[in-house]
Amino acid sequence: MIVTPCGAPRTWWHIEVAADLSLRVFQEKLGGLWPSVAHGVFVLDSTEHLDSQSVANVFIPGLIVRYDSPTGCLMVQVISWYDGQSAPDQTMAIMATSLRQAETE
């Protein structure tokens, strides 16, 4: 997936997410990595998604899903799926960040 803050398309993160990860856990992990958007919800077609659905049931390649929180938002897009196995403790991993993001950490 590629994650960009709303209004800042030059800052991005490429992340790997297990397809069976629940949206609730994914939301918690996004909030943990980017505290400025903690306690958000996924919004698709004006419908909030925050429950036990898996990432694979909501996200499809090419689809952009907005992640809204009271203090900001992210745009999340699946770039591609692949068949593989993640380490059991690796439900979400940052694979790469933009130079701009790397400089601000």
Protein backbone atom coordinates (compact mmCIF):
# COMPACT_ATOMS: atom_id res chain seq x y z
CA MET A 1 0.00 0.00 0.00
CA ILE A 2 0.99 3.60 -0.38
CA VAL A 3 -0.07 6.04 2.33
CA THR A 4 0.00 9.81 1.83
CA PRO A 5 -1.21 12.59 4.12
CA CYS A 6 -4.14 14.50 2.62
CA GLY A 7 -2.79 17.60 0.92
CA ALA A 8 0.84 16.41 1.00
CA PRO A 9 1.25 13.99 -1.94
CA ARG A 10 5.04 14.32 -1.96
CA THR A 11 5.25 12.69 1.45
CA TRP A 12 4.47 8.98 1.34
CA TRP A 13 5.02 5.64 3.00
CA HIS A 14 5.00 2.27 1.28
CA ILE A 15 3.71 -0.27 3.75
CA GLU A 16 3.11 -3.99 3.66
CA VAL A 17 -0.07 -5.15 5.36
CA ALA A 18 -1.31 -8.69 5.91
CA ALA A 19 -4.53 -9.17 3.92
CA ASP A 20 -6.27 -10.85 6.86
CA LEU A 21 -5.55 -7.94 9.22
CA SER A 22 -8.81 -6.53 10.59
CA LEU A 23 -9.64 -2.91 9.81
CA ARG A 24 -9.76 -2.20 13.53
CA VAL A 25 -6.18 -3.43 14.04
CA PHE A 26 -5.03 -1.62 10.88
CA GLN A 27 -6.59 1.60 12.22
CA GLU A 28 -4.80 1.14 15.55
CA LYS A 29 -1.47 0.54 13.79
CA LEU A 30 -1.86 3.64 11.59
CA GLY A 31 -2.61 5.70 14.70
CA GLY A 32 0.43 4.22 16.42
CA LEU A 33 2.75 5.08 13.53
CA TRP A 34 1.24 8.51 12.88
CA PRO A 35 -0.14 9.88 16.18
CA SER A 36 -1.47 12.98 14.41
CA VAL A 37 -4.19 10.80 12.88
CA ALA A 38 -4.97 8.53 15.83
CA HIS A 39 -8.59 7.48 16.43
CA GLY A 40 -9.57 7.69 12.78
CA VAL A 41 -11.92 5.71 10.57
CA PHE A 42 -11.72 4.41 7.02
CA VAL A 43 -14.23 6.13 4.73
CA LEU A 44 -15.25 4.64 1.38
CA ASP A 45 -18.20 6.02 -0.61
CA SER A 46 -19.27 8.14 2.39
CA THR A 47 -19.49 4.98 4.52
CA GLU A 48 -17.30 4.55 7.59
CA HIS A 49 -15.56 1.19 7.90
CA LEU A 50 -14.19 0.30 11.32
CA ASP A 51 -14.93 -3.23 12.39
CA SER A 52 -13.78 -6.79 12.11
CA GLN A 53 -13.72 -6.81 8.28
CA SER A 54 -10.33 -7.72 6.89
CA VAL A 55 -8.19 -5.41 4.80
CA ALA A 56 -8.73 -7.75 1.83
CA ASN A 57 -12.52 -7.34 2.06
CA VAL A 58 -12.39 -3.54 1.73
CA PHE A 59 -9.23 -2.68 -0.19
CA ILE A 60 -8.67 -3.69 -3.81
CA PRO A 61 -5.70 -2.72 -6.01
CA GLY A 62 -6.05 0.83 -7.30
CA LEU A 63 -8.79 1.84 -4.86
CA ILE A 64 -8.03 4.89 -2.69
CA VAL A 65 -9.58 4.84 0.77
CA ARG A 66 -9.61 7.91 2.98
CA TYR A 67 -8.63 7.54 6.63
CA ASP A 68 -10.17 10.41 8.62
CA SER A 69 -9.38 11.44 12.17
CA PRO A 70 -10.34 14.53 14.16
CA THR A 71 -6.86 15.99 13.57
CA GLY A 72 -6.01 14.98 9.99
CA CYS A 73 -6.37 12.42 7.26
CA LEU A 74 -4.46 9.94 5.14
CA MET A 75 -5.11 8.52 1.70
CA VAL A 76 -4.44 4.75 1.55
CA GLN A 77 -4.14 2.90 -1.75
CA VAL A 78 -3.38 -0.73 -2.49
CA ILE A 79 -0.68 -0.87 -5.13
CA SER A 80 -0.76 -4.63 -5.51
CA TRP A 81 -1.44 -7.94 -3.77
CA TYR A 82 1.04 -10.75 -3.70
CA ASP A 83 0.89 -14.30 -2.48
CA GLY A 84 3.38 -14.69 0.28
CA GLN A 85 3.75 -15.16 3.97
CA SER A 86 4.61 -12.50 6.50
CA ALA A 87 6.32 -13.29 9.74
CA PRO A 88 3.66 -13.92 12.42
CA ASP A 89 4.60 -10.73 14.26
CA GLN A 90 4.75 -8.67 11.03
CA THR A 91 1.13 -7.71 10.34
CA MET A 92 2.22 -4.28 9.08
CA ALA A 93 5.66 -3.07 8.06
CA ILE A 94 7.01 0.17 6.62
CA MET A 95 8.87 -0.80 3.45
CA ALA A 96 9.98 2.67 2.25
CA THR A 97 9.35 6.36 2.90
CA SER A 98 9.74 9.46 0.78
CA LEU A 99 12.92 11.43 1.20
CA ARG A 100 10.87 14.29 2.58
CA GLN A 101 9.36 12.01 5.25
CA ALA A 102 12.74 10.46 6.10
CA GLU A 103 14.21 13.93 6.69
CA THR A 104 11.45 14.89 9.13
CA GLU A 105 11.74 11.82 11.38
